[in-house]
Protein backbone atom coordinates (compact mmCIF):
# COMPACT_ATOMS: atom_id res chain seq x y z
CA MET A 1 36.86 -21.71 80.53
CA GLY A 2 37.89 -18.23 80.85
CA ARG A 3 39.22 -17.42 77.68
CA CYS A 4 35.90 -19.18 76.27
CA SER A 5 33.72 -16.69 78.40
CA ARG A 6 35.95 -13.76 77.38
CA ALA A 7 35.77 -14.51 73.43
CA ARG A 8 32.10 -14.84 74.00
CA HIS A 9 32.07 -11.48 75.26
CA VAL A 10 34.00 -9.73 72.62
CA VAL A 11 31.60 -11.78 69.87
CA TRP A 12 28.69 -10.22 71.83
CA LEU A 13 29.96 -6.78 72.00
CA ARG A 14 31.00 -6.48 68.25
CA GLN A 15 27.21 -7.29 67.78
CA ILE A 16 26.08 -4.82 69.77
CA LEU A 17 28.43 -2.64 67.68
CA ARG A 18 27.22 -3.44 64.67
CA ARG A 19 23.49 -2.97 65.73
CA TRP A 20 24.31 0.41 67.12
CA LYS A 21 25.89 1.38 63.83
CA VAL A 22 22.95 0.32 61.71
CA MET A 23 20.42 2.44 64.01
CA ALA A 24 22.35 5.52 63.98
CA ALA A 25 22.57 5.19 60.27
CA ALA A 26 19.33 4.87 59.95
CA ALA A 27 18.39 7.65 62.36
CA ALA A 28 20.71 9.77 60.24
CA ALA A 29 18.76 8.96 57.02
CA VAL A 30 16.40 11.19 55.15
CA PRO A 31 13.22 9.74 55.07
CA LEU A 32 11.66 9.48 51.18
CA GLY A 33 10.09 12.94 49.86
CA HIS A 34 12.04 14.93 52.03
CA VAL A 35 15.76 17.00 52.32
CA ALA A 36 17.78 17.83 54.96
CA VAL A 37 18.82 21.45 55.52
CA CYS A 38 21.32 23.06 57.75
CA VAL A 39 20.48 26.48 59.06
CA GLY A 40 22.07 29.08 61.07
CA SER A 41 25.35 30.01 62.79
CA SER A 42 25.49 26.56 64.33
CA SER A 43 24.62 24.41 61.53
CA ARG A 44 21.38 23.19 63.13
CA ARG A 45 19.57 20.22 61.04
CA PHE A 46 15.99 20.25 60.16
CA VAL A 47 14.31 17.44 57.56
CA VAL A 48 11.86 19.46 55.46
CA ARG A 49 9.29 17.86 52.78
CA VAL A 50 10.34 18.41 49.23
CA THR A 51 6.87 19.93 48.57
CA HIS A 52 7.76 23.15 50.69
CA LEU A 53 10.87 23.83 48.57
CA ASN A 54 8.04 25.20 45.91
CA HIS A 55 6.69 27.53 48.22
CA PRO A 56 7.39 31.15 47.22
CA VAL A 57 9.12 31.84 51.10
CA PHE A 58 11.66 28.70 50.17
CA ARG A 59 12.32 29.43 46.54
CA GLN A 60 13.62 32.68 48.22
CA LEU A 61 15.79 31.26 50.85
CA LEU A 62 17.10 28.77 48.24
CA ARG A 63 17.87 31.99 45.69
CA GLN A 64 19.96 33.55 48.93
CA ALA A 65 21.57 30.32 49.73
CA GLU A 66 22.71 30.14 46.02
CA GLU A 67 24.09 33.80 46.16
CA VAL A 68 26.38 33.29 49.36
CA TYR A 69 27.52 29.65 48.64
CA GLY A 70 26.89 29.11 45.17
CA PHE A 71 25.31 25.61 43.87
CA PRO A 72 26.71 22.72 46.03
CA SER A 73 29.34 20.58 45.55
CA ARG A 74 28.92 17.66 47.47
CA SER A 75 25.84 16.03 48.80
CA GLY A 76 24.31 16.21 52.36
CA PRO A 77 22.13 19.12 53.79
CA VAL A 78 21.70 22.33 51.95
CA ALA A 79 22.67 25.07 53.55
CA LEU A 80 20.45 28.04 53.94
CA PRO A 81 21.81 31.51 55.17
CA CYS A 82 19.37 32.87 57.90
CA ASP A 83 18.69 32.55 61.43
CA GLU A 84 17.12 29.60 62.96
CA SER A 85 14.31 31.58 64.49
CA LEU A 86 13.60 33.09 61.18
CA PHE A 87 13.82 29.58 59.85
CA GLU A 88 11.75 28.30 62.17
CA ASP A 89 8.82 30.81 61.37
CA ALA A 90 9.35 30.33 57.55
CA LEU A 91 8.57 26.78 57.96
CA CYS A 92 5.41 27.14 60.13
CA LEU A 93 4.11 29.74 57.78
CA VAL A 94 4.82 27.23 54.76
CA SER A 95 3.57 24.03 56.85
CA PHE A 96 0.33 26.42 57.68
CA SER A 97 -0.29 27.69 54.53
CA SER A 98 -0.01 24.06 52.78
CA SER A 99 -2.60 22.85 55.37
CA SER A 100 -4.95 25.47 54.43
CA SER A 101 -6.64 26.58 51.29
CA SER A 102 -4.14 29.54 49.50
CA ARG A 103 -4.60 32.25 51.72
CA PHE A 104 -0.79 32.47 51.58
CA ALA A 105 -0.23 31.86 48.04
CA ASN A 106 1.38 35.32 47.12
CA CYS A 107 3.50 35.49 50.24
CA ASN A 108 7.20 36.08 50.27
CA LEU A 109 9.99 37.04 52.40
CA GLU A 110 10.52 40.56 51.14
CA ASP A 111 8.21 41.73 54.04
CA CYS A 112 10.57 40.16 56.63
CA ASP A 113 13.68 41.75 58.04
CA PHE A 114 16.54 40.06 56.69
CA ASN A 115 18.81 41.71 59.37
CA ASN A 116 19.51 38.28 60.53
CA ILE A 117 20.53 36.50 57.59
CA ARG A 118 24.47 35.83 56.96
């Protein structure tokens, strides 16, 4: 009887492990219409709408990423060479400008202080 109970326990644990792996993989997936980016020295991961990449602020960040890192040779998050707080400000600006009219249509990052970019 003890052996049967132990086998059931092992089967149960394997099922739990499989469910956990599926849930973990789903959580790491990027939703359709979004892209993952890593920012800052700690490579903090953000998931950004693809439509935001057309904004002048993001285009400037992507140009700088190309200059610093070159084109990515692997799949995965795009690395952006800026400080987390600067990226959060840029994301807020882009989100706000996409929800309002074209108030920031001519906005770019040249007016910002890039001393924190590495």
